[in-house]
Amino acid sequence: MPLFSSRELLGCLDNLVEMDKDWFPETEDPGQLYVRFNHISTDSTLGVKSPASTKLIAILNPTTLRHLNITVKCSNGVNKNWPLGHGQYTASGNIGPLMPTVTDAKMNGFDDVLWLLDDYVQEMTVFNVFFVIKNRYGANKLYTPIDNGTIMPGVTRSSILELSDQIEKETDL
């Protein structure tokens, strides 16, 4: 990938948000802006090499924050990830084989599948999983599966783990 200025990228992103802001819904609910980057080679030849020219595309998706109750079906006999596998990477080979199980769950009234490994919670199909549970001492505690190569890492997971103390204090159970 050719080198580029991260400041210039942020400036371009600022300009894009400014241009598209009229498309964002006006709402009383707090919101967030999800930005999905897609980076492709624009070289005129095919081959395995570092590209000399590329194109970076940003897709903006404003979302509102809301609390949703969801129903999940626990996986049974099908595993999403396993230690030393490739579950920590976004790849079609990770999600594609799960579609029959996800489709079955949705056809039976569930919103998603809660993927288990040896009866231990791992994650949902495209979401990390967190639980706030009152421990035996009466304190709220944030729990999430350990990252042993089976969990999709990312900004959301890291942010929630960094905010765990605040989440535990502010959660009303």
C-alpha atoms as a PDB file:
ATOM      1  CA  MET A   1       0.000   0.000   0.000  1.00  0.00           C
ATOM      2  CA  PRO A   2       1.440   3.377  -0.904  1.00  0.00           C
ATOM      3  CA  LEU A   3       2.181   5.718   1.992  1.00  0.00           C
ATOM      4  CA  PHE A   4      -0.256   8.536   2.640  1.00  0.00           C
ATOM      5  CA  SER A   5      -0.668  11.296   5.184  1.00  0.00           C
ATOM      6  CA  SER A   6      -3.023  10.366   8.020  1.00  0.00           C
ATOM      7  CA  ARG A   7      -3.710  14.102   8.545  1.00  0.00           C
ATOM      8  CA  GLU A   8      -4.783  14.409   4.925  1.00  0.00           C
ATOM      9  CA  LEU A   9      -7.050  11.360   5.339  1.00  0.00           C
ATOM     10  CA  LEU A  10      -8.705  12.917   8.404  1.00  0.00           C
ATOM     11  CA  GLY A  11      -9.132  16.178   6.481  1.00  0.00           C
ATOM     12  CA  CYS A  12     -10.805  14.309   3.615  1.00  0.00           C
ATOM     13  CA  LEU A  13     -13.059  12.517   6.101  1.00  0.00           C
ATOM     14  CA  ASP A  14     -14.001  15.863   7.694  1.00  0.00           C
ATOM     15  CA  ASN A  15     -14.887  17.205   4.232  1.00  0.00           C
ATOM     16  CA  LEU A  16     -16.987  14.111   3.464  1.00  0.00           C
ATOM     17  CA  VAL A  17     -18.927  14.418   6.731  1.00  0.00           C
ATOM     18  CA  GLU A  18     -19.494  18.134   6.055  1.00  0.00           C
ATOM     19  CA  MET A  19     -20.776  17.375   2.523  1.00  0.00           C
ATOM     20  CA  ASP A  20     -23.078  14.543   3.654  1.00  0.00           C
ATOM     21  CA  LYS A  21     -24.351  15.971   6.955  1.00  0.00           C
ATOM     22  CA  ASP A  22     -27.726  16.938   5.462  1.00  0.00           C
ATOM     23  CA  TRP A  23     -28.377  13.231   4.810  1.00  0.00           C
ATOM     24  CA  PHE A  24     -27.971  12.363   8.504  1.00  0.00           C
ATOM     25  CA  PRO A  25     -31.245  11.953  10.392  1.00  0.00           C
ATOM     26  CA  GLU A  26     -32.093  14.572  12.997  1.00  0.00           C
ATOM     27  CA  THR A  27     -33.037  12.851  16.219  1.00  0.00           C
ATOM     28  CA  GLU A  28     -33.192  13.499  19.938  1.00  0.00           C
ATOM     29  CA  ASP A  29     -31.393  10.217  20.607  1.00  0.00           C
ATOM     30  CA  PRO A  30     -27.621  10.269  20.884  1.00  0.00           C
ATOM     31  CA  GLY A  31     -25.940   8.984  17.793  1.00  0.00           C
ATOM     32  CA  GLN A  32     -22.685   7.822  16.382  1.00  0.00           C
ATOM     33  CA  LEU A  33     -21.093   7.791  12.973  1.00  0.00           C
ATOM     34  CA  TYR A  34     -19.905   4.455  11.654  1.00  0.00           C
ATOM     35  CA  VAL A  35     -17.240   4.800   8.962  1.00  0.00           C
ATOM     36  CA  ARG A  36     -16.339   1.773   6.825  1.00  0.00           C
ATOM     37  CA  PHE A  37     -13.162   2.078   4.788  1.00  0.00           C
ATOM     38  CA  ASN A  38     -12.520  -0.022   1.694  1.00  0.00           C
ATOM     39  CA  HIS A  39      -9.046   0.072   0.173  1.00  0.00           C
ATOM     40  CA  ILE A  40      -8.422  -1.342  -3.313  1.00  0.00           C
ATOM     41  CA  SER A  41      -5.532  -1.466  -5.740  1.00  0.00           C
ATOM     42  CA  THR A  42      -5.973   0.525  -8.946  1.00  0.00           C
ATOM     43  CA  ASP A  43      -2.857  -0.822 -10.687  1.00  0.00           C
ATOM     44  CA  SER A  44      -3.362  -1.753 -14.329  1.00  0.00           C
ATOM     45  CA  THR A  45      -1.801  -5.202 -13.848  1.00  0.00           C
ATOM     46  CA  LEU A  46      -2.790  -8.172 -11.754  1.00  0.00           C
ATOM     47  CA  GLY A  47      -0.283  -9.955  -9.605  1.00  0.00           C
ATOM     48  CA  VAL A  48       0.995 -10.461  -6.118  1.00  0.00           C
ATOM     49  CA  LYS A  49       2.919  -7.293  -5.379  1.00  0.00           C
ATOM     50  CA  SER A  50       2.599  -4.057  -3.486  1.00  0.00           C
ATOM     51  CA  PRO A  51       0.378  -1.724  -5.496  1.00  0.00           C
ATOM     52  CA  ALA A  52       1.760   1.553  -6.789  1.00  0.00           C
ATOM     53  CA  SER A  53      -1.672   3.186  -6.814  1.00  0.00           C
ATOM     54  CA  THR A  54      -4.755   2.573  -4.725  1.00  0.00           C
ATOM     55  CA  LYS A  55      -8.150   4.024  -3.974  1.00  0.00           C
ATOM     56  CA  LEU A  56      -9.531   4.455  -0.467  1.00  0.00           C
ATOM     57  CA  ILE A  57     -13.315   4.626  -0.208  1.00  0.00           C
ATOM     58  CA  ALA A  58     -15.215   5.692   2.928  1.00  0.00           C
ATOM     59  CA  ILE A  59     -18.848   4.796   3.513  1.00  0.00           C
ATOM     60  CA  LEU A  60     -20.650   6.771   6.220  1.00  0.00           C
ATOM     61  CA  ASN A  61     -23.489   5.297   8.236  1.00  0.00           C
ATOM     62  CA  PRO A  62     -25.000   7.457  10.986  1.00  0.00           C
ATOM     63  CA  THR A  63     -26.713   5.365  13.638  1.00  0.00           C
ATOM     64  CA  THR A  64     -28.689   6.090  16.766  1.00  0.00           C
ATOM     65  CA  LEU A  65     -27.937   4.502  20.094  1.00  0.00           C
ATOM     66  CA  ARG A  66     -30.847   2.589  21.497  1.00  0.00           C
ATOM     67  CA  HIS A  67     -31.353  -0.299  23.808  1.00  0.00           C
ATOM     68  CA  LEU A  68     -32.840  -3.320  22.112  1.00  0.00           C
ATOM     69  CA  ASN A  69     -33.947  -6.534  23.661  1.00  0.00           C
ATOM     70  CA  ILE A  70     -32.889  -9.377  21.422  1.00  0.00           C
ATOM     71  CA  THR A  71     -33.534 -13.074  21.439  1.00  0.00           C
ATOM     72  CA  VAL A  72     -30.657 -15.415  20.712  1.00  0.00           C
ATOM     73  CA  LYS A  73     -30.406 -19.095  19.981  1.00  0.00           C
ATOM     74  CA  CYS A  74     -27.371 -20.872  21.405  1.00  0.00           C
ATOM     75  CA  SER A  75     -25.358 -22.779  18.837  1.00  0.00           C
ATOM     76  CA  ASN A  76     -25.584 -26.541  19.057  1.00  0.00           C
ATOM     77  CA  GLY A  77     -23.080 -28.747  17.273  1.00  0.00           C
ATOM     78  CA  VAL A  78     -21.700 -25.898  15.122  1.00  0.00           C
ATOM     79  CA  ASN A  79     -18.744 -23.777  16.193  1.00  0.00           C
ATOM     80  CA  LYS A  80     -17.979 -20.321  14.864  1.00  0.00           C
ATOM     81  CA  ASN A  81     -14.367 -20.205  16.055  1.00  0.00           C
ATOM     82  CA  TRP A  82     -11.851 -22.275  17.962  1.00  0.00           C
ATOM     83  CA  PRO A  83      -8.495 -21.532  19.607  1.00  0.00           C
ATOM     84  CA  LEU A  84      -5.636 -21.318  17.093  1.00  0.00           C
ATOM     85  CA  GLY A  85      -8.198 -20.921  14.309  1.00  0.00           C
ATOM     86  CA  HIS A  86      -8.826 -17.803  12.238  1.00  0.00           C
ATOM     87  CA  GLY A  87     -11.831 -16.336  14.087  1.00  0.00           C
ATOM     88  CA  GLN A  88     -10.023 -13.110  14.873  1.00  0.00           C
ATOM     89  CA  TYR A  89     -10.030 -12.173  11.162  1.00  0.00           C
ATOM     90  CA  THR A  90     -12.810 -10.817   8.999  1.00  0.00           C
ATOM     91  CA  ALA A  91     -13.060 -13.317   6.162  1.00  0.00           C
ATOM     92  CA  SER A  92     -15.927 -14.747   4.140  1.00  0.00           C
ATOM     93  CA  GLY A  93     -14.761 -18.211   5.165  1.00  0.00           C
ATOM     94  CA  ASN A  94     -15.575 -17.336   8.782  1.00  0.00           C
ATOM     95  CA  ILE A  95     -19.177 -16.229   8.261  1.00  0.00           C
ATOM     96  CA  GLY A  96     -20.339 -18.091   5.141  1.00  0.00           C
ATOM     97  CA  PRO A  97     -20.472 -21.587   6.721  1.00  0.00           C
ATOM     98  CA  LEU A  98     -22.542 -20.183   9.603  1.00  0.00           C
ATOM     99  CA  MET A  99     -25.382 -18.944   7.401  1.00  0.00           C
ATOM    100  CA  PRO A 100     -27.520 -22.119   7.601  1.00  0.00           C
ATOM    101  CA  THR A 101     -27.453 -21.915  11.418  1.00  0.00           C
ATOM    102  CA  VAL A 102     -28.179 -18.167  11.422  1.00  0.00           C
ATOM    103  CA  THR A 103     -30.985 -18.601   8.864  1.00  0.00           C
ATOM    104  CA  ASP A 104     -32.532 -21.402  10.940  1.00  0.00           C
ATOM    105  CA  ALA A 105     -32.419 -19.217  14.065  1.00  0.00           C
ATOM    106  CA  LYS A 106     -34.049 -16.261  12.276  1.00  0.00           C
ATOM    107  CA  MET A 107     -36.730 -18.481  10.717  1.00  0.00           C
ATOM    108  CA  ASN A 108     -37.584 -19.666  14.236  1.00  0.00           C
ATOM    109  CA  GLY A 109     -38.031 -16.164  15.664  1.00  0.00           C
ATOM    110  CA  PHE A 110     -34.537 -15.444  17.004  1.00  0.00           C
ATOM    111  CA  ASP A 111     -32.531 -12.305  16.205  1.00  0.00           C
ATOM    112  CA  ASP A 112     -29.094 -13.953  16.167  1.00  0.00           C
ATOM    113  CA  VAL A 113     -27.027 -16.909  17.303  1.00  0.00           C
ATOM    114  CA  LEU A 114     -24.985 -16.910  20.497  1.00  0.00           C
ATOM    115  CA  TRP A 115     -21.974 -18.997  19.503  1.00  0.00           C
ATOM    116  CA  LEU A 116     -20.654 -21.399  22.109  1.00  0.00           C
ATOM    117  CA  LEU A 117     -17.468 -23.447  22.267  1.00  0.00           C
ATOM    118  CA  ASP A 118     -17.562 -26.355  24.711  1.00  0.00           C
ATOM    119  CA  ASP A 119     -20.530 -24.638  26.437  1.00  0.00           C
ATOM    120  CA  TYR A 120     -18.557 -21.396  26.888  1.00  0.00           C
ATOM    121  CA  VAL A 121     -19.925 -18.198  25.362  1.00  0.00           C
ATOM    122  CA  GLN A 122     -17.767 -16.826  22.552  1.00  0.00           C
ATOM    123  CA  GLU A 123     -19.643 -14.100  20.639  1.00  0.00           C
ATOM    124  CA  MET A 124     -22.620 -13.538  18.396  1.00  0.00           C
ATOM    125  CA  THR A 125     -22.454 -13.711  14.609  1.00  0.00           C
ATOM    126  CA  VAL A 126     -21.097 -10.183  14.068  1.00  0.00           C
ATOM    127  CA  PHE A 127     -21.119  -8.776  17.621  1.00  0.00           C
ATOM    128  CA  ASN A 128     -18.931  -9.175  20.674  1.00  0.00           C
ATOM    129  CA  VAL A 129     -20.704 -10.269  23.860  1.00  0.00           C
ATOM    130  CA  PHE A 130     -20.562  -8.573  27.258  1.00  0.00           C
ATOM    131  CA  PHE A 131     -22.459  -9.297  30.466  1.00  0.00           C
ATOM    132  CA  VAL A 132     -22.869  -7.134  33.544  1.00  0.00           C
ATOM    133  CA  ILE A 133     -23.600  -9.390  36.489  1.00  0.00           C
ATOM    134  CA  LYS A 134     -23.966  -8.574  40.172  1.00  0.00           C
ATOM    135  CA  ASN A 135     -21.361 -10.717  41.945  1.00  0.00           C
ATOM    136  CA  ARG A 136     -21.830 -12.406  45.311  1.00  0.00           C
ATOM    137  CA  TYR A 137     -20.509  -9.286  47.075  1.00  0.00           C
ATOM    138  CA  GLY A 138     -23.203  -7.103  45.517  1.00  0.00           C
ATOM    139  CA  ALA A 139     -20.904  -5.302  43.080  1.00  0.00           C
ATOM    140  CA  ASN A 140     -21.572  -5.128  39.346  1.00  0.00           C
ATOM    141  CA  LYS A 141     -18.925  -6.854  37.276  1.00  0.00           C
ATOM    142  CA  LEU A 142     -18.420  -6.731  33.489  1.00  0.00           C
ATOM    143  CA  TYR A 143     -17.662 -10.107  31.936  1.00  0.00           C
ATOM    144  CA  THR A 144     -16.684 -11.009  28.397  1.00  0.00           C
ATOM    145  CA  PRO A 145     -15.122 -14.124  26.864  1.00  0.00           C
ATOM    146  CA  ILE A 146     -11.338 -14.235  26.925  1.00  0.00           C
ATOM    147  CA  ASP A 147      -9.582 -13.374  23.684  1.00  0.00           C
ATOM    148  CA  ASN A 148      -7.814 -16.633  22.908  1.00  0.00           C
ATOM    149  CA  GLY A 149      -7.826 -16.162  19.153  1.00  0.00           C
ATOM    150  CA  THR A 150     -11.549 -16.866  18.827  1.00  0.00           C
ATOM    151  CA  ILE A 151     -12.861 -13.342  19.385  1.00  0.00           C
ATOM    152  CA  MET A 152     -13.119 -10.652  16.719  1.00  0.00           C
ATOM    153  CA  PRO A 153     -10.981  -7.790  18.046  1.00  0.00           C
ATOM    154  CA  GLY A 154     -11.864  -4.224  17.325  1.00  0.00           C
ATOM    155  CA  VAL A 155     -12.439  -0.706  18.509  1.00  0.00           C
ATOM    156  CA  THR A 156     -15.800  -1.492  20.142  1.00  0.00           C
ATOM    157  CA  ARG A 157     -14.433  -4.364  22.233  1.00  0.00           C
ATOM    158  CA  SER A 158     -11.355  -2.367  23.251  1.00  0.00           C
ATOM    159  CA  SER A 159     -13.437   0.689  24.148  1.00  0.00           C
ATOM    160  CA  ILE A 160     -15.861  -1.281  26.296  1.00  0.00           C
ATOM    161  CA  LEU A 161     -13.001  -3.013  28.115  1.00  0.00           C
ATOM    162  CA  GLU A 162     -11.346   0.377  28.741  1.00  0.00           C
ATOM    163  CA  LEU A 163     -14.641   1.712  30.130  1.00  0.00           C
ATOM    164  CA  SER A 164     -15.383  -1.378  32.243  1.00  0.00           C
ATOM    165  CA  ASP A 165     -14.940   0.407  35.602  1.00  0.00           C
ATOM    166  CA  GLN A 166     -17.339   3.170  34.565  1.00  0.00           C
ATOM    167  CA  ILE A 167     -19.845   0.670  33.121  1.00  0.00           C
ATOM    168  CA  GLU A 168     -19.784  -1.377  36.345  1.00  0.00           C
ATOM    169  CA  LYS A 169     -20.405   1.752  38.471  1.00  0.00           C
ATOM    170  CA  GLU A 170     -23.182   3.186  36.293  1.00  0.00           C
ATOM    171  CA  THR A 171     -25.128  -0.031  35.624  1.00  0.00           C
ATOM    172  CA  ASP A 172     -28.321  -0.270  37.664  1.00  0.00           C
ATOM    173  CA  LEU A 173     -29.141  -3.915  38.355  1.00  0.00           C
END
